[in-house]
Amino acid sequence: MAQDMLNCALLFDTYGDMLTEKQRLCWDLRYNQDLTLGEIGELEGISRQAVRDNLVRAEAQMQELEDKIGAVRIQSGVSDALEELLAASALAAQLGPLGGEIADHIDRAMRRMKE
């Protein structure tokens, strides 16, 4: 469940701007403001079912975009690669002067990736 929520949050952060205004609002009220479907419906003057439909369509749309574009998957891969480079840099730094030079090269490459 927590992984699903994390994945949904990443999808929204990445693709939320591509949703309709109503979908974004329902998503924000549900997942960021933690309102119930009924509370959102009351605020927006729509039925609970309409709120649910907006959320289901929004999630499906964002998942379809991720399936086609893969921005969340790519970002996750970059983060994993940076972690590996960090470990390699620390290991190289322990190898003496030449290892320190290698660690410096790794660190510069990591800074460029983060930019």
N, C-alpha and C. Protein backbone atom coordinates (compact mmCIF):
# COMPACT_ATOMS: atom_id res chain seq x y z
N MET A 1 0.83 -1.20 0.00
CA MET A 1 0.00 0.00 0.00
C MET A 1 0.87 1.26 0.00
N ALA A 2 1.89 1.29 0.87
CA ALA A 2 2.76 2.46 0.92
C ALA A 2 3.50 2.63 -0.40
N GLN A 3 3.92 1.53 -1.02
CA GLN A 3 4.60 1.60 -2.31
C GLN A 3 3.66 2.13 -3.38
N ASP A 4 2.38 1.72 -3.33
CA ASP A 4 1.40 2.24 -4.28
C ASP A 4 1.23 3.74 -4.12
N MET A 5 1.17 4.20 -2.87
CA MET A 5 1.01 5.63 -2.62
C MET A 5 2.25 6.40 -3.09
N LEU A 6 3.42 5.83 -2.86
CA LEU A 6 4.65 6.47 -3.33
C LEU A 6 4.65 6.55 -4.85
N ASN A 7 4.27 5.46 -5.50
CA ASN A 7 4.22 5.44 -6.96
C ASN A 7 3.21 6.46 -7.48
N CYS A 8 2.05 6.54 -6.84
CA CYS A 8 1.04 7.52 -7.24
C CYS A 8 1.55 8.95 -7.06
N ALA A 9 2.24 9.20 -5.98
CA ALA A 9 2.80 10.53 -5.74
C ALA A 9 3.84 10.89 -6.79
N LEU A 10 4.69 9.92 -7.14
CA LEU A 10 5.69 10.17 -8.18
C LEU A 10 5.03 10.42 -9.53
N LEU A 11 4.00 9.64 -9.84
CA LEU A 11 3.28 9.86 -11.09
C LEU A 11 2.66 11.24 -11.12
N PHE A 12 2.04 11.65 -10.01
CA PHE A 12 1.40 12.97 -9.96
C PHE A 12 2.44 14.09 -10.08
N ASP A 13 3.56 13.94 -9.38
CA ASP A 13 4.61 14.96 -9.47
C ASP A 13 5.14 15.10 -10.88
N THR A 14 5.18 13.99 -11.60
CA THR A 14 5.74 13.99 -12.95
C THR A 14 4.72 14.39 -14.00
N TYR A 15 3.51 13.86 -13.91
CA TYR A 15 2.51 14.03 -14.97
C TYR A 15 1.28 14.82 -14.55
N GLY A 16 1.24 15.30 -13.33
CA GLY A 16 0.05 15.99 -12.84
C GLY A 16 -0.37 17.19 -13.68
N ASP A 17 0.60 17.89 -14.24
CA ASP A 17 0.27 19.06 -15.07
C ASP A 17 -0.48 18.69 -16.34
N MET A 18 -0.47 17.42 -16.70
CA MET A 18 -1.14 16.97 -17.92
C MET A 18 -2.58 16.54 -17.66
N LEU A 19 -2.99 16.58 -16.40
CA LEU A 19 -4.37 16.25 -16.06
C LEU A 19 -5.26 17.48 -16.24
N THR A 20 -6.57 17.23 -16.27
CA THR A 20 -7.49 18.36 -16.31
C THR A 20 -7.46 19.07 -14.96
N GLU A 21 -7.95 20.29 -14.94
CA GLU A 21 -7.97 21.05 -13.69
C GLU A 21 -8.80 20.31 -12.63
N LYS A 22 -9.93 19.75 -13.04
CA LYS A 22 -10.80 19.03 -12.10
C LYS A 22 -10.10 17.78 -11.56
N GLN A 23 -9.38 17.06 -12.42
CA GLN A 23 -8.64 15.88 -11.97
C GLN A 23 -7.55 16.27 -10.98
N ARG A 24 -6.81 17.33 -11.29
CA ARG A 24 -5.75 17.79 -10.38
C ARG A 24 -6.34 18.19 -9.02
N LEU A 25 -7.45 18.91 -9.06
CA LEU A 25 -8.08 19.36 -7.82
C LEU A 25 -8.55 18.17 -6.99
N CYS A 26 -9.24 17.23 -7.62
CA CYS A 26 -9.70 16.04 -6.90
C CYS A 26 -8.52 15.27 -6.33
N TRP A 27 -7.46 15.14 -7.11
CA TRP A 27 -6.27 14.41 -6.66
C TRP A 27 -5.65 15.10 -5.44
N ASP A 28 -5.52 16.41 -5.54
CA ASP A 28 -4.92 17.17 -4.43
C ASP A 28 -5.77 17.03 -3.17
N LEU A 29 -7.07 17.20 -3.30
CA LEU A 29 -7.94 17.13 -2.13
C LEU A 29 -7.95 15.73 -1.53
N ARG A 30 -7.87 14.72 -2.36
CA ARG A 30 -7.92 13.34 -1.86
C ARG A 30 -6.59 12.92 -1.24
N TYR A 31 -5.50 13.11 -1.97
CA TYR A 31 -4.23 12.54 -1.54
C TYR A 31 -3.32 13.51 -0.77
N ASN A 32 -3.44 14.78 -1.03
CA ASN A 32 -2.62 15.74 -0.29
C ASN A 32 -3.37 16.32 0.92
N GLN A 33 -4.67 16.53 0.75
CA GLN A 33 -5.46 17.10 1.85
C GLN A 33 -6.18 16.02 2.66
N ASP A 34 -6.15 14.78 2.16
CA ASP A 34 -6.71 13.61 2.84
C ASP A 34 -8.22 13.73 3.10
N LEU A 35 -8.94 14.33 2.16
CA LEU A 35 -10.39 14.41 2.28
C LEU A 35 -11.02 13.14 1.72
N THR A 36 -12.21 12.82 2.20
CA THR A 36 -12.94 11.66 1.67
C THR A 36 -13.58 12.04 0.34
N LEU A 37 -14.02 11.02 -0.39
CA LEU A 37 -14.69 11.28 -1.66
C LEU A 37 -15.95 12.12 -1.43
N GLY A 38 -16.67 11.82 -0.37
CA GLY A 38 -17.88 12.58 -0.05
C GLY A 38 -17.58 14.04 0.26
N GLU A 39 -16.51 14.27 1.02
CA GLU A 39 -16.14 15.65 1.37
C GLU A 39 -15.73 16.43 0.12
N ILE A 40 -15.01 15.78 -0.77
CA ILE A 40 -14.61 16.44 -2.02
C ILE A 40 -15.83 16.75 -2.85
N GLY A 41 -16.74 15.79 -2.95
CA GLY A 41 -17.97 15.99 -3.70
C GLY A 41 -18.76 17.18 -3.18
N GLU A 42 -18.86 17.29 -1.86
CA GLU A 42 -19.57 18.43 -1.25
C GLU A 42 -18.89 19.75 -1.61
N LEU A 43 -17.58 19.79 -1.48
CA LEU A 43 -16.85 21.02 -1.78
C LEU A 43 -17.01 21.44 -3.24
N GLU A 44 -16.99 20.45 -4.12
CA GLU A 44 -17.01 20.74 -5.56
C GLU A 44 -18.40 20.72 -6.17
N GLY A 45 -19.39 20.33 -5.38
CA GLY A 45 -20.75 20.29 -5.90
C GLY A 45 -20.96 19.18 -6.91
N ILE A 46 -20.26 18.06 -6.72
CA ILE A 46 -20.41 16.91 -7.60
C ILE A 46 -20.63 15.68 -6.72
N SER A 47 -21.04 14.61 -7.37
CA SER A 47 -21.31 13.39 -6.60
C SER A 47 -20.01 12.71 -6.18
N ARG A 48 -20.15 11.86 -5.17
CA ARG A 48 -19.02 11.06 -4.72
C ARG A 48 -18.50 10.20 -5.87
N GLN A 49 -19.42 9.67 -6.67
CA GLN A 49 -19.05 8.83 -7.81
C GLN A 49 -18.28 9.64 -8.86
N ALA A 50 -18.66 10.89 -9.06
CA ALA A 50 -17.94 11.74 -10.02
C ALA A 50 -16.51 11.99 -9.54
N VAL A 51 -16.35 12.17 -8.24
CA VAL A 51 -15.00 12.34 -7.67
C VAL A 51 -14.19 11.09 -7.94
N ARG A 52 -14.77 9.93 -7.62
CA ARG A 52 -14.08 8.66 -7.83
C ARG A 52 -13.70 8.48 -9.30
N ASP A 53 -14.64 8.78 -10.20
CA ASP A 53 -14.36 8.66 -11.63
C ASP A 53 -13.20 9.55 -12.05
N ASN A 54 -13.16 10.79 -11.53
CA ASN A 54 -12.05 11.69 -11.83
C ASN A 54 -10.72 11.12 -11.36
N LEU A 55 -10.71 10.54 -10.17
CA LEU A 55 -9.47 9.96 -9.63
C LEU A 55 -9.03 8.74 -10.42
N VAL A 56 -9.98 7.89 -10.78
CA VAL A 56 -9.64 6.68 -11.55
C VAL A 56 -9.11 7.07 -12.93
N ARG A 57 -9.77 8.03 -13.58
CA ARG A 57 -9.29 8.47 -14.90
C ARG A 57 -7.92 9.13 -14.80
N ALA A 58 -7.71 9.92 -13.75
CA ALA A 58 -6.42 10.60 -13.57
C ALA A 58 -5.31 9.57 -13.40
N GLU A 59 -5.54 8.59 -12.54
CA GLU A 59 -4.50 7.57 -12.32
C GLU A 59 -4.23 6.78 -13.60
N ALA A 60 -5.28 6.42 -14.33
CA ALA A 60 -5.11 5.67 -15.58
C ALA A 60 -4.34 6.50 -16.60
N GLN A 61 -4.66 7.78 -16.69
CA GLN A 61 -3.98 8.67 -17.64
C GLN A 61 -2.50 8.80 -17.29
N MET A 62 -2.21 8.99 -16.01
CA MET A 62 -0.81 9.14 -15.60
C MET A 62 -0.04 7.83 -15.81
N GLN A 63 -0.68 6.70 -15.53
CA GLN A 63 -0.01 5.41 -15.74
C GLN A 63 0.24 5.17 -17.22
N GLU A 64 -0.70 5.57 -18.07
CA GLU A 64 -0.51 5.43 -19.51
C GLU A 64 0.66 6.29 -19.99
N LEU A 65 0.75 7.50 -19.46
CA LEU A 65 1.88 8.36 -19.81
C LEU A 65 3.20 7.74 -19.35
N GLU A 66 3.21 7.19 -18.15
CA GLU A 66 4.43 6.55 -17.65
C GLU A 66 4.80 5.35 -18.51
N ASP A 67 3.80 4.57 -18.92
CA ASP A 67 4.07 3.42 -19.77
C ASP A 67 4.69 3.83 -21.10
N LYS A 68 4.27 4.97 -21.63
CA LYS A 68 4.77 5.45 -22.92
C LYS A 68 6.09 6.21 -22.78
N ILE A 69 6.20 7.07 -21.76
CA ILE A 69 7.35 7.96 -21.62
C ILE A 69 8.40 7.38 -20.68
N GLY A 70 7.97 6.87 -19.55
CA GLY A 70 8.88 6.24 -18.60
C GLY A 70 9.71 7.20 -17.77
N ALA A 71 9.25 8.43 -17.59
CA ALA A 71 10.06 9.42 -16.86
C ALA A 71 10.31 9.02 -15.40
N VAL A 72 9.31 8.45 -14.75
CA VAL A 72 9.50 8.04 -13.35
C VAL A 72 10.50 6.89 -13.28
N ARG A 73 10.37 5.94 -14.19
CA ARG A 73 11.30 4.80 -14.24
C ARG A 73 12.73 5.29 -14.53
N ILE A 74 12.88 6.22 -15.45
CA ILE A 74 14.20 6.75 -15.78
C ILE A 74 14.80 7.47 -14.58
N GLN A 75 14.00 8.30 -13.92
CA GLN A 75 14.50 9.03 -12.75
C GLN A 75 14.93 8.07 -11.66
N SER A 76 14.17 7.01 -11.48
CA SER A 76 14.52 6.00 -10.47
C SER A 76 15.85 5.35 -10.84
N GLY A 77 16.04 5.06 -12.12
CA GLY A 77 17.31 4.46 -12.57
C GLY A 77 18.48 5.39 -12.36
N VAL A 78 18.28 6.67 -12.60
CA VAL A 78 19.34 7.65 -12.39
C VAL A 78 19.69 7.73 -10.90
N SER A 79 18.66 7.73 -10.06
CA SER A 79 18.92 7.77 -8.61
C SER A 79 19.70 6.55 -8.16
N ASP A 80 19.32 5.38 -8.68
CA ASP A 80 20.05 4.16 -8.33
C ASP A 80 21.50 4.22 -8.80
N ALA A 81 21.71 4.74 -10.02
CA ALA A 81 23.07 4.86 -10.55
C ALA A 81 23.90 5.82 -9.72
N LEU A 82 23.30 6.91 -9.28
CA LEU A 82 24.03 7.86 -8.43
C LEU A 82 24.44 7.22 -7.11
N GLU A 83 23.58 6.40 -6.54
CA GLU A 83 23.92 5.69 -5.30
C GLU A 83 25.11 4.75 -5.53
N GLU A 84 25.12 4.06 -6.65
CA GLU A 84 26.22 3.16 -6.97
C GLU A 84 27.52 3.94 -7.18
N LEU A 85 27.42 5.07 -7.85
CA LEU A 85 28.61 5.90 -8.06
C LEU A 85 29.14 6.45 -6.74
N LEU A 86 28.26 6.80 -5.85
CA LEU A 86 28.68 7.28 -4.53
C LEU A 86 29.46 6.20 -3.79
N ALA A 87 28.96 4.97 -3.85
CA ALA A 87 29.66 3.86 -3.20
C ALA A 87 31.01 3.61 -3.87
N ALA A 88 31.05 3.69 -5.20
CA ALA A 88 32.30 3.47 -5.93
C ALA A 88 33.32 4.56 -5.60
N SER A 89 32.85 5.79 -5.47
CA SER A 89 33.74 6.89 -5.13
C SER A 89 34.37 6.69 -3.75
N ALA A 90 33.54 6.28 -2.79
CA ALA A 90 34.05 6.03 -1.43
C ALA A 90 35.07 4.91 -1.43
N LEU A 91 34.81 3.87 -2.20
CA LEU A 91 35.74 2.74 -2.28
C LEU A 91 37.05 3.17 -2.95
N ALA A 92 36.94 3.92 -4.04
CA ALA A 92 38.13 4.36 -4.75
C ALA A 92 38.99 5.27 -3.87
N ALA A 93 38.36 6.11 -3.07
CA ALA A 93 39.10 7.03 -2.21
C ALA A 93 39.97 6.28 -1.21
N GLN A 94 39.64 5.04 -0.90
CA GLN A 94 40.40 4.24 0.06
C GLN A 94 41.63 3.57 -0.57
N LEU A 95 41.80 3.73 -1.88
CA LEU A 95 42.87 3.03 -2.59
C LEU A 95 44.15 3.85 -2.72
N GLY A 96 44.25 4.94 -2.03
CA GLY A 96 45.47 5.74 -2.09
C GLY A 96 45.34 6.88 -3.09
N PRO A 97 46.49 7.46 -3.49
CA PRO A 97 46.48 8.65 -4.36
C PRO A 97 45.76 8.43 -5.68
N LEU A 98 46.02 7.34 -6.37
CA LEU A 98 45.36 7.08 -7.65
C LEU A 98 43.86 6.88 -7.44
N GLY A 99 43.51 6.17 -6.39
CA GLY A 99 42.10 5.99 -6.05
C GLY A 99 41.41 7.31 -5.76
N GLY A 100 42.15 8.22 -5.11
CA GLY A 100 41.60 9.55 -4.83
C GLY A 100 41.31 10.31 -6.10
N GLU A 101 42.20 10.17 -7.10
CA GLU A 101 41.95 10.82 -8.39
C GLU A 101 40.72 10.23 -9.06
N ILE A 102 40.60 8.92 -9.00
CA ILE A 102 39.42 8.27 -9.58
C ILE A 102 38.16 8.74 -8.86
N ALA A 103 38.23 8.82 -7.54
CA ALA A 103 37.08 9.30 -6.76
C ALA A 103 36.71 10.72 -7.17
N ASP A 104 37.70 11.57 -7.41
CA ASP A 104 37.43 12.94 -7.86
C ASP A 104 36.70 12.95 -9.19
N HIS A 105 37.12 12.10 -10.12
CA HIS A 105 36.45 12.01 -11.43
C HIS A 105 35.00 11.54 -11.27
N ILE A 106 34.82 10.56 -10.42
CA ILE A 106 33.46 10.06 -10.17
C ILE A 106 32.60 11.16 -9.57
N ASP A 107 33.15 11.89 -8.60
CA ASP A 107 32.40 12.96 -7.95
C ASP A 107 32.00 14.06 -8.93
N ARG A 108 32.92 14.42 -9.84
CA ARG A 108 32.60 15.44 -10.85
C ARG A 108 31.49 14.96 -11.77
N ALA A 109 31.56 13.69 -12.18
CA ALA A 109 30.52 13.14 -13.05
C ALA A 109 29.17 13.14 -12.33
N MET A 110 29.17 12.83 -11.05
CA MET A 110 27.93 12.81 -10.28
C MET A 110 27.34 14.21 -10.18
N ARG A 111 28.17 15.20 -9.96
CA ARG A 111 27.67 16.58 -9.88
C ARG A 111 27.03 17.00 -11.19
N ARG A 112 27.66 16.62 -12.32
CA ARG A 112 27.08 16.94 -13.62
C ARG A 112 25.73 16.25 -13.82
N MET A 113 25.62 15.02 -13.35
CA MET A 113 24.36 14.29 -13.47
C MET A 113 23.26 14.95 -12.65
N LYS A 114 23.61 15.46 -11.49
CA LYS A 114 22.61 16.08 -10.61
C LYS A 114 22.12 17.41 -11.17
N GLU A 115 22.98 18.07 -11.95
CA GLU A 115 22.59 19.36 -12.54
C GLU A 115 21.61 19.10 -13.64
